[in-house]
PDB file of N, CA and C in Angstrom:
ATOM      1  N   MET A   1     -58.936  62.868-254.566  1.00  0.00           N
ATOM      2  CA  MET A   1     -58.583  63.651-253.395  1.00  0.00           C
ATOM      3  C   MET A   1     -59.394  64.951-253.426  1.00  0.00           C
ATOM      4  N   ASN A   2     -60.083  65.279-252.330  1.00  0.00           N
ATOM      5  CA  ASN A   2     -60.904  66.489-252.320  1.00  0.00           C
ATOM      6  C   ASN A   2     -60.059  67.734-252.019  1.00  0.00           C
ATOM      7  N   THR A   3     -60.668  68.891-252.166  1.00  0.00           N
ATOM      8  CA  THR A   3     -59.953  70.166-252.008  1.00  0.00           C
ATOM      9  C   THR A   3     -59.367  70.328-250.616  1.00  0.00           C
ATOM     10  N   LYS A   4     -60.125  69.977-249.581  1.00  0.00           N
ATOM     11  CA  LYS A   4     -59.640  70.107-248.193  1.00  0.00           C
ATOM     12  C   LYS A   4     -58.412  69.229-247.978  1.00  0.00           C
ATOM     13  N   THR A   5     -58.460  67.995-248.469  1.00  0.00           N
ATOM     14  CA  THR A   5     -57.320  67.081-248.321  1.00  0.00           C
ATOM     15  C   THR A   5     -56.103  67.615-249.067  1.00  0.00           C
ATOM     16  N   LYS A   6     -56.319  68.139-250.269  1.00  0.00           N
ATOM     17  CA  LYS A   6     -55.210  68.716-251.037  1.00  0.00           C
ATOM     18  C   LYS A   6     -54.601  69.897-250.291  1.00  0.00           C
ATOM     19  N   GLY A   7     -55.459  70.747-249.733  1.00  0.00           N
ATOM     20  CA  GLY A   7     -54.967  71.898-248.965  1.00  0.00           C
ATOM     21  C   GLY A   7     -54.188  71.472-247.744  1.00  0.00           C
ATOM     22  N   ASN A   8     -54.706  70.485-247.019  1.00  0.00           N
ATOM     23  CA  ASN A   8     -54.003  69.980-245.833  1.00  0.00           C
ATOM     24  C   ASN A   8     -52.649  69.382-246.212  1.00  0.00           C
ATOM     25  N   ASN A   9     -52.606  68.642-247.335  1.00  0.00           N
ATOM     26  CA  ASN A   9     -51.337  68.071-247.791  1.00  0.00           C
ATOM     27  C   ASN A   9     -50.325  69.174-248.108  1.00  0.00           C
ATOM     28  N   SER A  10     -50.779  70.210-248.788  1.00  0.00           N
ATOM     29  CA  SER A  10     -49.877  71.318-249.133  1.00  0.00           C
ATOM     30  C   SER A  10     -49.403  72.051-247.888  1.00  0.00           C
ATOM     31  N   GLU A  11     -50.287  72.231-246.915  1.00  0.00           N
ATOM     32  CA  GLU A  11     -49.878  72.891-245.665  1.00  0.00           C
ATOM     33  C   GLU A  11     -48.860  72.043-244.909  1.00  0.00           C
ATOM     34  N   GLU A  12     -49.017  70.734-244.948  1.00  0.00           N
ATOM     35  CA  GLU A  12     -48.043  69.845-244.305  1.00  0.00           C
ATOM     36  C   GLU A  12     -46.692  69.943-245.005  1.00  0.00           C
ATOM     37  N   ILE A  13     -46.700  69.966-246.325  1.00  0.00           N
ATOM     38  CA  ILE A  13     -45.461  70.130-247.098  1.00  0.00           C
ATOM     39  C   ILE A  13     -44.803  71.463-246.754  1.00  0.00           C
ATOM     40  N   ALA A  14     -45.595  72.524-246.688  1.00  0.00           N
ATOM     41  CA  ALA A  14     -45.069  73.857-246.361  1.00  0.00           C
ATOM     42  C   ALA A  14     -44.486  73.874-244.944  1.00  0.00           C
ATOM     43  N   ALA A  15     -45.177  73.264-243.993  1.00  0.00           N
ATOM     44  CA  ALA A  15     -44.685  73.231-242.605  1.00  0.00           C
ATOM     45  C   ALA A  15     -43.348  72.482-242.533  1.00  0.00           C
ATOM     46  N   ARG A  16     -43.250  71.361-243.210  1.00  0.00           N
ATOM     47  CA  ARG A  16     -41.978  70.606-243.216  1.00  0.00           C
ATOM     48  C   ARG A  16     -40.864  71.430-243.850  1.00  0.00           C
ATOM     49  N   HIS A  17     -41.197  72.155-244.904  1.00  0.00           N
ATOM     50  CA  HIS A  17     -40.211  73.029-245.558  1.00  0.00           C
ATOM     51  C   HIS A  17     -39.708  74.085-244.577  1.00  0.00           C
ATOM     52  N   LEU A  18     -40.642  74.717-243.869  1.00  0.00           N
ATOM     53  CA  LEU A  18     -40.259  75.760-242.906  1.00  0.00           C
ATOM     54  C   LEU A  18     -39.402  75.194-241.784  1.00  0.00           C
ATOM     55  N   ILE A  19     -39.809  74.065-241.235  1.00  0.00           N
ATOM     56  CA  ILE A  19     -39.044  73.443-240.142  1.00  0.00           C
ATOM     57  C   ILE A  19     -37.631  73.109-240.608  1.00  0.00           C
ATOM     58  N   SER A  20     -37.510  72.572-241.805  1.00  0.00           N
ATOM     59  CA  SER A  20     -36.177  72.214-242.320  1.00  0.00           C
ATOM     60  C   SER A  20     -35.313  73.454-242.558  1.00  0.00           C
ATOM     61  N   ALA A  21     -35.958  74.617-242.716  1.00  0.00           N
ATOM     62  CA  ALA A  21     -35.222  75.876-242.910  1.00  0.00           C
ATOM     63  C   ALA A  21     -34.985  76.608-241.581  1.00  0.00           C
ATOM     64  N   GLY A  22     -35.339  75.962-240.456  1.00  0.00           N
ATOM     65  CA  GLY A  22     -35.055  76.551-239.152  1.00  0.00           C
ATOM     66  C   GLY A  22     -36.173  77.376-238.545  1.00  0.00           C
ATOM     67  N   TYR A  23     -37.358  77.322-239.103  1.00  0.00           N
ATOM     68  CA  TYR A  23     -38.500  78.044-238.555  1.00  0.00           C
ATOM     69  C   TYR A  23     -39.129  77.215-237.437  1.00  0.00           C
ATOM     70  N   GLU A  24     -39.681  77.894-236.457  1.00  0.00           N
ATOM     71  CA  GLU A  24     -40.438  77.231-235.395  1.00  0.00           C
ATOM     72  C   GLU A  24     -41.921  77.479-235.663  1.00  0.00           C
ATOM     73  N   ILE A  25     -42.665  76.422-235.912  1.00  0.00           N
ATOM     74  CA  ILE A  25     -44.099  76.545-236.150  1.00  0.00           C
ATOM     75  C   ILE A  25     -44.785  76.704-234.793  1.00  0.00           C
ATOM     76  N   ILE A  26     -45.536  77.797-234.625  1.00  0.00           N
ATOM     77  CA  ILE A  26     -46.225  77.996-233.347  1.00  0.00           C
ATOM     78  C   ILE A  26     -47.734  77.821-233.466  1.00  0.00           C
ATOM     79  N   ASN A  27     -48.254  77.827-234.690  1.00  0.00           N
ATOM     80  CA  ASN A  27     -49.681  77.600-234.874  1.00  0.00           C
ATOM     81  C   ASN A  27     -49.963  77.267-236.333  1.00  0.00           C
ATOM     82  N   ARG A  28     -50.999  76.433-236.522  1.00  0.00           N
ATOM     83  CA  ARG A  28     -51.448  76.109-237.879  1.00  0.00           C
ATOM     84  C   ARG A  28     -52.959  76.236-237.924  1.00  0.00           C
ATOM     85  N   ASN A  29     -53.444  76.728-239.038  1.00  0.00           N
ATOM     86  CA  ASN A  29     -54.882  76.894-239.260  1.00  0.00           C
ATOM     87  C   ASN A  29     -55.544  77.660-238.123  1.00  0.00           C
ATOM     88  N   TRP A  30     -54.941  78.787-237.760  1.00  0.00           N
ATOM     89  CA  TRP A  30     -55.478  79.633-236.684  1.00  0.00           C
ATOM     90  C   TRP A  30     -56.644  80.438-237.236  1.00  0.00           C
ATOM     91  N   ILE A  31     -57.789  80.367-236.546  1.00  0.00           N
ATOM     92  CA  ILE A  31     -59.008  81.025-237.012  1.00  0.00           C
ATOM     93  C   ILE A  31     -59.521  81.985-235.951  1.00  0.00           C
ATOM     94  N   CYS A  32     -59.904  83.168-236.411  1.00  0.00           N
ATOM     95  CA  CYS A  32     -60.528  84.165-235.546  1.00  0.00           C
ATOM     96  C   CYS A  32     -61.471  84.992-236.425  1.00  0.00           C
ATOM     97  N   ASN A  33     -62.693  85.181-235.962  1.00  0.00           N
ATOM     98  CA  ASN A  33     -63.683  85.963-236.714  1.00  0.00           C
ATOM     99  C   ASN A  33     -63.833  85.474-238.164  1.00  0.00           C
ATOM    100  N   ASN A  34     -63.852  84.158-238.327  1.00  0.00           N
ATOM    101  CA  ASN A  34     -63.991  83.527-239.644  1.00  0.00           C
ATOM    102  C   ASN A  34     -62.867  83.850-240.619  1.00  0.00           C
ATOM    103  N   ARG A  35     -61.721  84.237-240.090  1.00  0.00           N
ATOM    104  CA  ARG A  35     -60.536  84.473-240.918  1.00  0.00           C
ATOM    105  C   ARG A  35     -59.457  83.491-240.469  1.00  0.00           C
ATOM    106  N   GLU A  36     -58.727  82.954-241.433  1.00  0.00           N
ATOM    107  CA  GLU A  36     -57.742  81.925-241.105  1.00  0.00           C
ATOM    108  C   GLU A  36     -56.340  82.334-241.530  1.00  0.00           C
ATOM    109  N   ILE A  37     -55.374  81.939-240.688  1.00  0.00           N
ATOM    110  CA  ILE A  37     -53.959  82.030-241.036  1.00  0.00           C
ATOM    111  C   ILE A  37     -53.479  80.594-241.160  1.00  0.00           C
ATOM    112  N   ASP A  38     -52.894  80.249-242.306  1.00  0.00           N
ATOM    113  CA  ASP A  38     -52.477  78.867-242.536  1.00  0.00           C
ATOM    114  C   ASP A  38     -51.387  78.425-241.567  1.00  0.00           C
ATOM    115  N   ILE A  39     -50.294  79.186-241.514  1.00  0.00           N
ATOM    116  CA  ILE A  39     -49.170  78.827-240.645  1.00  0.00           C
ATOM    117  C   ILE A  39     -48.640  80.098-239.980  1.00  0.00           C
ATOM    118  N   ILE A  40     -48.369  79.987-238.686  1.00  0.00           N
ATOM    119  CA  ILE A  40     -47.729  81.066-237.932  1.00  0.00           C
ATOM    120  C   ILE A  40     -46.428  80.486-237.391  1.00  0.00           C
ATOM    121  N   ALA A  41     -45.334  81.186-237.655  1.00  0.00           N
ATOM    122  CA  ALA A  41     -44.018  80.679-237.264  1.00  0.00           C
ATOM    123  C   ALA A  41     -43.165  81.803-236.692  1.00  0.00           C
ATOM    124  N   ILE A  42     -42.087  81.400-236.074  1.00  0.00           N
ATOM    125  CA  ILE A  42     -41.063  82.340-235.597  1.00  0.00           C
ATOM    126  C   ILE A  42     -39.770  82.002-236.340  1.00  0.00           C
ATOM    127  N   HIS A  43     -39.091  83.039-236.809  1.00  0.00           N
ATOM    128  CA  HIS A  43     -37.794  82.850-237.454  1.00  0.00           C
ATOM    129  C   HIS A  43     -36.995  84.136-237.294  1.00  0.00           C
ATOM    130  N   ASN A  44     -35.780  83.995-236.814  1.00  0.00           N
ATOM    131  CA  ASN A  44     -34.910  85.166-236.601  1.00  0.00           C
ATOM    132  C   ASN A  44     -35.626  86.270-235.830  1.00  0.00           C
ATOM    133  N   SER A  45     -36.298  85.898-234.747  1.00  0.00           N
ATOM    134  CA  SER A  45     -37.007  86.821-233.858  1.00  0.00           C
ATOM    135  C   SER A  45     -38.163  87.562-234.534  1.00  0.00           C
ATOM    136  N   MET A  46     -38.621  87.066-235.657  1.00  0.00           N
ATOM    137  CA  MET A  46     -39.758  87.671-236.343  1.00  0.00           C
ATOM    138  C   MET A  46     -40.945  86.718-236.302  1.00  0.00           C
ATOM    139  N   LEU A  47     -42.146  87.304-236.295  1.00  0.00           N
ATOM    140  CA  LEU A  47     -43.363  86.534-236.449  1.00  0.00           C
ATOM    141  C   LEU A  47     -43.622  86.410-237.948  1.00  0.00           C
ATOM    142  N   ILE A  48     -43.709  85.177-238.431  1.00  0.00           N
ATOM    143  CA  ILE A  48     -43.891  84.933-239.855  1.00  0.00           C
ATOM    144  C   ILE A  48     -45.297  84.388-240.072  1.00  0.00           C
ATOM    145  N   ILE A  49     -46.070  85.082-240.874  1.00  0.00           N
ATOM    146  CA  ILE A  49     -47.417  84.673-241.241  1.00  0.00           C
ATOM    147  C   ILE A  49     -47.322  84.086-242.647  1.00  0.00           C
ATOM    148  N   VAL A  50     -47.757  82.826-242.787  1.00  0.00           N
ATOM    149  CA  VAL A  50     -47.574  82.126-244.061  1.00  0.00           C
ATOM    150  C   VAL A  50     -48.920  81.734-244.662  1.00  0.00           C
ATOM    151  N   GLU A  51     -49.130  82.154-245.876  1.00  0.00           N
ATOM    152  CA  GLU A  51     -50.277  81.719-246.676  1.00  0.00           C
ATOM    153  C   GLU A  51     -49.765  80.617-247.612  1.00  0.00           C
ATOM    154  N   VAL A  52     -50.456  79.487-247.613  1.00  0.00           N
ATOM    155  CA  VAL A  52     -50.061  78.363-248.455  1.00  0.00           C
ATOM    156  C   VAL A  52     -51.043  78.252-249.613  1.00  0.00           C
ATOM    157  N   LYS A  53     -50.492  78.174-250.803  1.00  0.00           N
ATOM    158  CA  LYS A  53     -51.316  78.021-252.004  1.00  0.00           C
ATOM    159  C   LYS A  53     -50.842  76.794-252.762  1.00  0.00           C
ATOM    160  N   SER A  54     -51.800  76.020-253.229  1.00  0.00           N
ATOM    161  CA  SER A  54     -51.437  74.808-253.953  1.00  0.00           C
ATOM    162  C   SER A  54     -52.188  74.730-255.275  1.00  0.00           C
ATOM    163  N   ILE A  55     -51.535  74.084-256.210  1.00  0.00           N
ATOM    164  CA  ILE A  55     -52.128  73.841-257.519  1.00  0.00           C
ATOM    165  C   ILE A  55     -51.902  72.369-257.857  1.00  0.00           C
ATOM    166  N   TYR A  56     -52.970  71.696-258.201  1.00  0.00           N
ATOM    167  CA  TYR A  56     -52.915  70.289-258.598  1.00  0.00           C
ATOM    168  C   TYR A  56     -53.438  70.160-260.020  1.00  0.00           C
ATOM    169  N   SER A  57     -52.977  71.020-260.891  1.00  0.00           N
ATOM    170  CA  SER A  57     -53.492  71.038-262.253  1.00  0.00           C
ATOM    171  C   SER A  57     -52.355  71.285-263.219  1.00  0.00           C
ATOM    172  N   GLU A  58     -52.481  70.748-264.384  1.00  0.00           N
ATOM    173  CA  GLU A  58     -51.493  70.978-265.444  1.00  0.00           C
ATOM    174  C   GLU A  58     -51.680  72.339-266.102  1.00  0.00           C
ATOM    175  N   ASN A  59     -52.850  72.956-265.903  1.00  0.00           N
ATOM    176  CA  ASN A  59     -53.188  74.160-266.661  1.00  0.00           C
ATOM    177  C   ASN A  59     -52.834  75.469-265.969  1.00  0.00           C
ATOM    178  N   ILE A  60     -52.557  75.433-264.681  1.00  0.00           N
ATOM    179  CA  ILE A  60     -52.272  76.672-263.949  1.00  0.00           C
ATOM    180  C   ILE A  60     -50.831  76.631-263.467  1.00  0.00           C
ATOM    181  N   ASP A  61     -50.073  77.653-263.806  1.00  0.00           N
ATOM    182  CA  ASP A  61     -48.664  77.677-263.433  1.00  0.00           C
ATOM    183  C   ASP A  61     -48.379  78.504-262.190  1.00  0.00           C
ATOM    184  N   ASP A  62     -49.237  79.458-261.868  1.00  0.00           N
ATOM    185  CA  ASP A  62     -48.918  80.385-260.790  1.00  0.00           C
ATOM    186  C   ASP A  62     -50.027  80.440-259.736  1.00  0.00           C
ATOM    187  N   PRO A  63     -49.836  79.761-258.584  1.00  0.00           N
ATOM    188  CA  PRO A  63     -50.843  79.790-257.528  1.00  0.00           C
ATOM    189  C   PRO A  63     -51.046  81.185-256.942  1.00  0.00           C
ATOM    190  N   LEU A  64     -50.084  82.073-257.128  1.00  0.00           N
ATOM    191  CA  LEU A  64     -50.217  83.433-256.590  1.00  0.00           C
ATOM    192  C   LEU A  64     -51.378  84.178-257.231  1.00  0.00           C
ATOM    193  N   GLU A  65     -51.770  83.764-258.416  1.00  0.00           N
ATOM    194  CA  GLU A  65     -52.898  84.401-259.088  1.00  0.00           C
ATOM    195  C   GLU A  65     -54.188  84.271-258.288  1.00  0.00           C
ATOM    196  N   SER A  66     -54.243  83.295-257.385  1.00  0.00           N
ATOM    197  CA  SER A  66     -55.469  83.072-256.615  1.00  0.00           C
ATOM    198  C   SER A  66     -55.508  83.869-255.308  1.00  0.00           C
ATOM    199  N   ILE A  67     -54.498  84.694-255.048  1.00  0.00           N
ATOM    200  CA  ILE A  67     -54.484  85.502-253.830  1.00  0.00           C
ATOM    201  C   ILE A  67     -54.951  86.915-254.179  1.00  0.00           C
ATOM    202  N   SER A  68     -56.171  87.190-253.808  1.00  0.00           N
ATOM    203  CA  SER A  68     -56.781  88.479-254.130  1.00  0.00           C
ATOM    204  C   SER A  68     -56.445  89.517-253.061  1.00  0.00           C
ATOM    205  N   TYR A  69     -56.732  90.761-253.385  1.00  0.00           N
ATOM    206  CA  TYR A  69     -56.569  91.838-252.412  1.00  0.00           C
ATOM    207  C   TYR A  69     -57.450  91.572-251.190  1.00  0.00           C
ATOM    208  N   SER A  70     -58.642  91.060-251.411  1.00  0.00           N
ATOM    209  CA  SER A  70     -59.554  90.735-250.321  1.00  0.00           C
ATOM    210  C   SER A  70     -58.955  89.668-249.400  1.00  0.00           C
ATOM    211  N   LYS A  71     -58.307  88.659-249.987  1.00  0.00           N
ATOM    212  CA  LYS A  71     -57.654  87.610-249.190  1.00  0.00           C
ATOM    213  C   LYS A  71     -56.526  88.208-248.357  1.00  0.00           C
ATOM    214  N   ILE A  72     -55.743  89.081-248.948  1.00  0.00           N
ATOM    215  CA  ILE A  72     -54.649  89.729-248.219  1.00  0.00           C
ATOM    216  C   ILE A  72     -55.199  90.547-247.060  1.00  0.00           C
ATOM    217  N   LYS A  73     -56.292  91.266-247.291  1.00  0.00           N
ATOM    218  CA  LYS A  73     -56.931  92.043-246.215  1.00  0.00           C
ATOM    219  C   LYS A  73     -57.383  91.133-245.079  1.00  0.00           C
ATOM    220  N   ASN A  74     -57.963  89.995-245.410  1.00  0.00           N
ATOM    221  CA  ASN A  74     -58.405  89.056-244.380  1.00  0.00           C
ATOM    222  C   ASN A  74     -57.229  88.495-243.594  1.00  0.00           C
ATOM    223  N   ILE A  75     -56.142  88.186-244.267  1.00  0.00           N
ATOM    224  CA  ILE A  75     -54.941  87.702-243.575  1.00  0.00           C
ATOM    225  C   ILE A  75     -54.415  88.797-242.648  1.00  0.00           C
ATOM    226  N   ALA A  76     -54.403  90.033-243.128  1.00  0.00           N
ATOM    227  CA  ALA A  76     -53.927  91.152-242.319  1.00  0.00           C
ATOM    228  C   ALA A  76     -54.789  91.342-241.072  1.00  0.00           C
ATOM    229  N   LYS A  77     -56.108  91.259-241.231  1.00  0.00           N
ATOM    230  CA  LYS A  77     -57.008  91.419-240.080  1.00  0.00           C
ATOM    231  C   LYS A  77     -56.838  90.275-239.091  1.00  0.00           C
ATOM    232  N   ALA A  78     -56.724  89.052-239.592  1.00  0.00           N
ATOM    233  CA  ALA A  78     -56.503  87.901-238.708  1.00  0.00           C
ATOM    234  C   ALA A  78     -55.171  88.042-237.983  1.00  0.00           C
ATOM    235  N   THR A  79     -54.165  88.541-238.675  1.00  0.00           N
ATOM    236  CA  THR A  79     -52.859  88.757-238.047  1.00  0.00           C
ATOM    237  C   THR A  79     -52.961  89.775-236.934  1.00  0.00           C
ATOM    238  N   GLN A  80     -53.681  90.864-237.174  1.00  0.00           N
ATOM    239  CA  GLN A  80     -53.845  91.875-236.128  1.00  0.00           C
ATOM    240  C   GLN A  80     -54.561  91.282-234.920  1.00  0.00           C
ATOM    241  N   ASP A  81     -55.580  90.453-235.160  1.00  0.00           N
ATOM    242  CA  ASP A  81     -56.265  89.769-234.059  1.00  0.00           C
ATOM    243  C   ASP A  81     -55.282  88.892-233.286  1.00  0.00           C
ATOM    244  N   TYR A  82     -54.458  88.141-234.003  1.00  0.00           N
ATOM    245  CA  TYR A  82     -53.483  87.255-233.364  1.00  0.00           C
ATOM    246  C   TYR A  82     -52.509  88.060-232.508  1.00  0.00           C
ATOM    247  N   ILE A  83     -52.015  89.147-233.062  1.00  0.00           N
ATOM    248  CA  ILE A  83     -51.070  90.011-232.346  1.00  0.00           C
ATOM    249  C   ILE A  83     -51.719  90.573-231.079  1.00  0.00           C
ATOM    250  N   ASP A  84     -52.958  91.036-231.200  1.00  0.00           N
ATOM    251  CA  ASP A  84     -53.665  91.614-230.053  1.00  0.00           C
ATOM    252  C   ASP A  84     -53.934  90.565-228.975  1.00  0.00           C
ATOM    253  N   ILE A  85     -54.435  89.407-229.374  1.00  0.00           N
ATOM    254  CA  ILE A  85     -54.782  88.351-228.416  1.00  0.00           C
ATOM    255  C   ILE A  85     -53.545  87.833-227.684  1.00  0.00           C
ATOM    256  N   HIS A  86     -52.458  87.653-228.415  1.00  0.00           N
ATOM    257  CA  HIS A  86     -51.246  87.063-227.839  1.00  0.00           C
ATOM    258  C   HIS A  86     -50.209  88.102-227.409  1.00  0.00           C
ATOM    259  N   GLU A  87     -50.573  89.379-227.526  1.00  0.00           N
ATOM    260  CA  GLU A  87     -49.698  90.488-227.123  1.00  0.00           C
ATOM    261  C   GLU A  87     -48.300  90.351-227.730  1.00  0.00           C
ATOM    262  N   ILE A  88     -48.275  90.160-229.025  1.00  0.00           N
ATOM    263  CA  ILE A  88     -47.025  89.987-229.770  1.00  0.00           C
ATOM    264  C   ILE A  88     -46.377  91.347-229.985  1.00  0.00           C
ATOM    265  N   THR A  89     -45.080  91.401-229.750  1.00  0.00           N
ATOM    266  CA  THR A  89     -44.344  92.640-229.988  1.00  0.00           C
ATOM    267  C   THR A  89     -43.272  92.466-231.070  1.00  0.00           C
ATOM    268  N   LYS A  90     -43.199  91.289-231.646  1.00  0.00           N
ATOM    269  CA  LYS A  90     -42.198  91.020-232.684  1.00  0.00           C
ATOM    270  C   LYS A  90     -42.571  91.703-234.001  1.00  0.00           C
ATOM    271  N   GLU A  91     -41.566  91.934-234.799  1.00  0.00           N
ATOM    272  CA  GLU A  91     -41.797  92.407-236.162  1.00  0.00           C
ATOM    273  C   GLU A  91     -42.500  91.289-236.933  1.00  0.00           C
ATOM    274  N   VAL A  92     -43.371  91.656-237.860  1.00  0.00           N
ATOM    275  CA  VAL A  92     -44.169  90.681-238.607  1.00  0.00           C
ATOM    276  C   VAL A  92     -43.765  90.700-240.076  1.00  0.00           C
ATOM    277  N   ARG A  93     -43.698  89.492-240.641  1.00  0.00           N
ATOM    278  CA  ARG A  93     -43.432  89.355-242.071  1.00  0.00           C
ATOM    279  C   ARG A  93     -44.476  88.412-242.654  1.00  0.00           C
ATOM    280  N   PHE A  94     -44.919  88.708-243.871  1.00  0.00           N
ATOM    281  CA  PHE A  94     -45.905  87.884-244.564  1.00  0.00           C
ATOM    282  C   PHE A  94     -45.215  87.125-245.697  1.00  0.00           C
ATOM    283  N   ASP A  95     -45.273  85.801-245.626  1.00  0.00           N
ATOM    284  CA  ASP A  95     -44.684  84.951-246.653  1.00  0.00           C
ATOM    285  C   ASP A  95     -45.788  84.167-247.356  1.00  0.00           C
ATOM    286  N   ILE A  96     -45.470  83.714-248.544  1.00  0.00           N
ATOM    287  CA  ILE A  96     -46.352  82.809-249.261  1.00  0.00           C
ATOM    288  C   ILE A  96     -45.521  81.603-249.673  1.00  0.00           C
ATOM    289  N   ILE A  97     -46.077  80.432-249.453  1.00  0.00           N
ATOM    290  CA  ILE A  97     -45.446  79.208-249.959  1.00  0.00           C
ATOM    291  C   ILE A  97     -46.407  78.600-250.965  1.00  0.00           C
ATOM    292  N   THR A  98     -45.886  78.404-252.167  1.00  0.00           N
ATOM    293  CA  THR A  98     -46.692  77.757-253.194  1.00  0.00           C
ATOM    294  C   THR A  98     -46.211  76.319-253.354  1.00  0.00           C
ATOM    295  N   VAL A  99     -47.168  75.435-253.516  1.00  0.00           N
ATOM    296  CA  VAL A  99     -46.880  74.029-253.774  1.00  0.00           C
ATOM    297  C   VAL A  99     -47.584  73.683-255.081  1.00  0.00           C
ATOM    298  N   ILE A 100     -46.792  73.396-256.087  1.00  0.00           N
ATOM    299  CA  ILE A 100     -47.340  73.049-257.395  1.00  0.00           C
ATOM    300  C   ILE A 100     -47.064  71.574-257.638  1.00  0.00           C
ATOM    301  N   LYS A 101     -48.112  70.822-257.880  1.00  0.00           N
ATOM    302  CA  LYS A 101     -47.977  69.390-258.162  1.00  0.00           C
ATOM    303  C   LYS A 101     -48.346  69.155-259.617  1.00  0.00           C
ATOM    304  N   LYS A 102     -47.390  68.639-260.349  1.00  0.00           N
ATOM    305  CA  LYS A 102     -47.599  68.302-261.763  1.00  0.00           C
ATOM    306  C   LYS A 102     -47.088  66.886-261.965  1.00  0.00           C
ATOM    307  N   LYS A 103     -48.006  66.008-262.313  1.00  0.00           N
ATOM    308  CA  LYS A 103     -47.689  64.589-262.506  1.00  0.00           C
ATOM    309  C   LYS A 103     -46.914  64.082-261.297  1.00  0.00           C
ATOM    310  N   ASP A 104     -45.671  63.668-261.499  1.00  0.00           N
ATOM    311  CA  ASP A 104     -44.887  63.084-260.408  1.00  0.00           C
ATOM    312  C   ASP A 104     -43.952  64.070-259.733  1.00  0.00           C
ATOM    313  N   LYS A 105     -44.007  65.337-260.111  1.00  0.00           N
ATOM    314  CA  LYS A 105     -43.084  66.276-259.477  1.00  0.00           C
ATOM    315  C   LYS A 105     -43.831  67.316-258.662  1.00  0.00           C
ATOM    316  N   GLN A 106     -43.136  67.830-257.689  1.00  0.00           N
ATOM    317  CA  GLN A 106     -43.698  68.807-256.752  1.00  0.00           C
ATOM    318  C   GLN A 106     -42.713  69.976-256.667  1.00  0.00           C
ATOM    319  N   ILE A 107     -43.218  71.179-256.867  1.00  0.00           N
ATOM    320  CA  ILE A 107     -42.368  72.371-256.822  1.00  0.00           C
ATOM    321  C   ILE A 107     -42.816  73.220-255.643  1.00  0.00           C
ATOM    322  N   ILE A 108     -41.876  73.529-254.746  1.00  0.00           N
ATOM    323  CA  ILE A 108     -42.156  74.368-253.585  1.00  0.00           C
ATOM    324  C   ILE A 108     -41.436  75.693-253.787  1.00  0.00           C
ATOM    325  N   ASN A 109     -42.178  76.779-253.648  1.00  0.00           N
ATOM    326  CA  ASN A 109     -41.596  78.110-253.795  1.00  0.00           C
ATOM    327  C   ASN A 109     -41.938  78.910-252.545  1.00  0.00           C
ATOM    328  N   HIS A 110     -40.925  79.357-251.818  1.00  0.00           N
ATOM    329  CA  HIS A 110     -41.114  80.147-250.601  1.00  0.00           C
ATOM    330  C   HIS A 110     -40.813  81.610-250.923  1.00  0.00           C
ATOM    331  N   ILE A 111     -41.855  82.418-250.928  1.00  0.00           N
ATOM    332  CA  ILE A 111     -41.714  83.841-251.238  1.00  0.00           C
ATOM    333  C   ILE A 111     -41.742  84.601-249.922  1.00  0.00           C
ATOM    334  N   LYS A 112     -40.600  85.113-249.532  1.00  0.00           N
ATOM    335  CA  LYS A 112     -40.488  85.850-248.272  1.00  0.00           C
ATOM    336  C   LYS A 112     -40.898  87.299-248.488  1.00  0.00           C
ATOM    337  N   ASP A 113     -41.530  87.868-247.451  1.00  0.00           N
ATOM    338  CA  ASP A 113     -41.955  89.262-247.489  1.00  0.00           C
ATOM    339  C   ASP A 113     -42.795  89.524-248.744  1.00  0.00           C
ATOM    340  N   ALA A 114     -43.783  88.665-248.952  1.00  0.00           N
ATOM    341  CA  ALA A 114     -44.585  88.672-250.181  1.00  0.00           C
ATOM    342  C   ALA A 114     -45.525  89.860-250.293  1.00  0.00           C
ATOM    343  N   PHE A 115     -45.997  90.359-249.158  1.00  0.00           N
ATOM    344  CA  PHE A 115     -46.878  91.522-249.179  1.00  0.00           C
ATOM    345  C   PHE A 115     -46.819  92.220-247.830  1.00  0.00           C
ATOM    346  N   THR A 116     -47.341  93.438-247.796  1.00  0.00           N
ATOM    347  CA  THR A 116     -47.397  94.205-246.552  1.00  0.00           C
ATOM    348  C   THR A 116     -48.850  94.352-246.133  1.00  0.00           C
ATOM    349  N   ILE A 117     -49.057  94.715-244.897  1.00  0.00           N
ATOM    350  CA  ILE A 117     -50.425  94.872-244.378  1.00  0.00           C
ATOM    351  C   ILE A 117     -51.063  96.093-245.013  1.00  0.00           C
ATOM    352  N   PRO A 118     -52.212  95.900-245.665  1.00  0.00           N
ATOM    353  CA  PRO A 118     -52.931  97.065-246.201  1.00  0.00           C
ATOM    354  C   PRO A 118     -53.625  97.828-245.069  1.00  0.00           C
ATOM    355  N   GLN A 119     -53.849  99.072-245.284  1.00  0.00           N
ATOM    356  CA  GLN A 119     -54.593  99.874-244.303  1.00  0.00           C
ATOM    357  C   GLN A 119     -56.075  99.599-244.469  1.00  0.00           C
ATOM    358  N   TYR A 120     -56.774  99.350-243.368  1.00  0.00           N
ATOM    359  CA  TYR A 120     -58.212  99.101-243.431  1.00  0.00           C
ATOM    360  C   TYR A 120     -58.910  99.792-242.300  1.00  0.00           C
TER     361      TYR A 120
END
């Protein structure tokens, strides 16, 4: 399975998790100015921006280690573009969903309010 397929599988798992928790998915893989937001959802009148991280290895335990400050800045800029284009007035929250696959088990971790928008 290639990296793109693994990422798509993890995003599908994350989307199903969100839907089962009562979130409304309004966009997936939204791209603007070469920046991508994995999942955009609405929950409790908030705009939820979700970064999905997956690990398909026995050697790495924490997918959050792969989210750099630069990645967070890009998500923040893409979010601002989304808000401007769609004239969003809702409060925004940034979540991260990690999907860890080890042998036959899959661990999903939903981290709400994982980071705030940096100033740029």
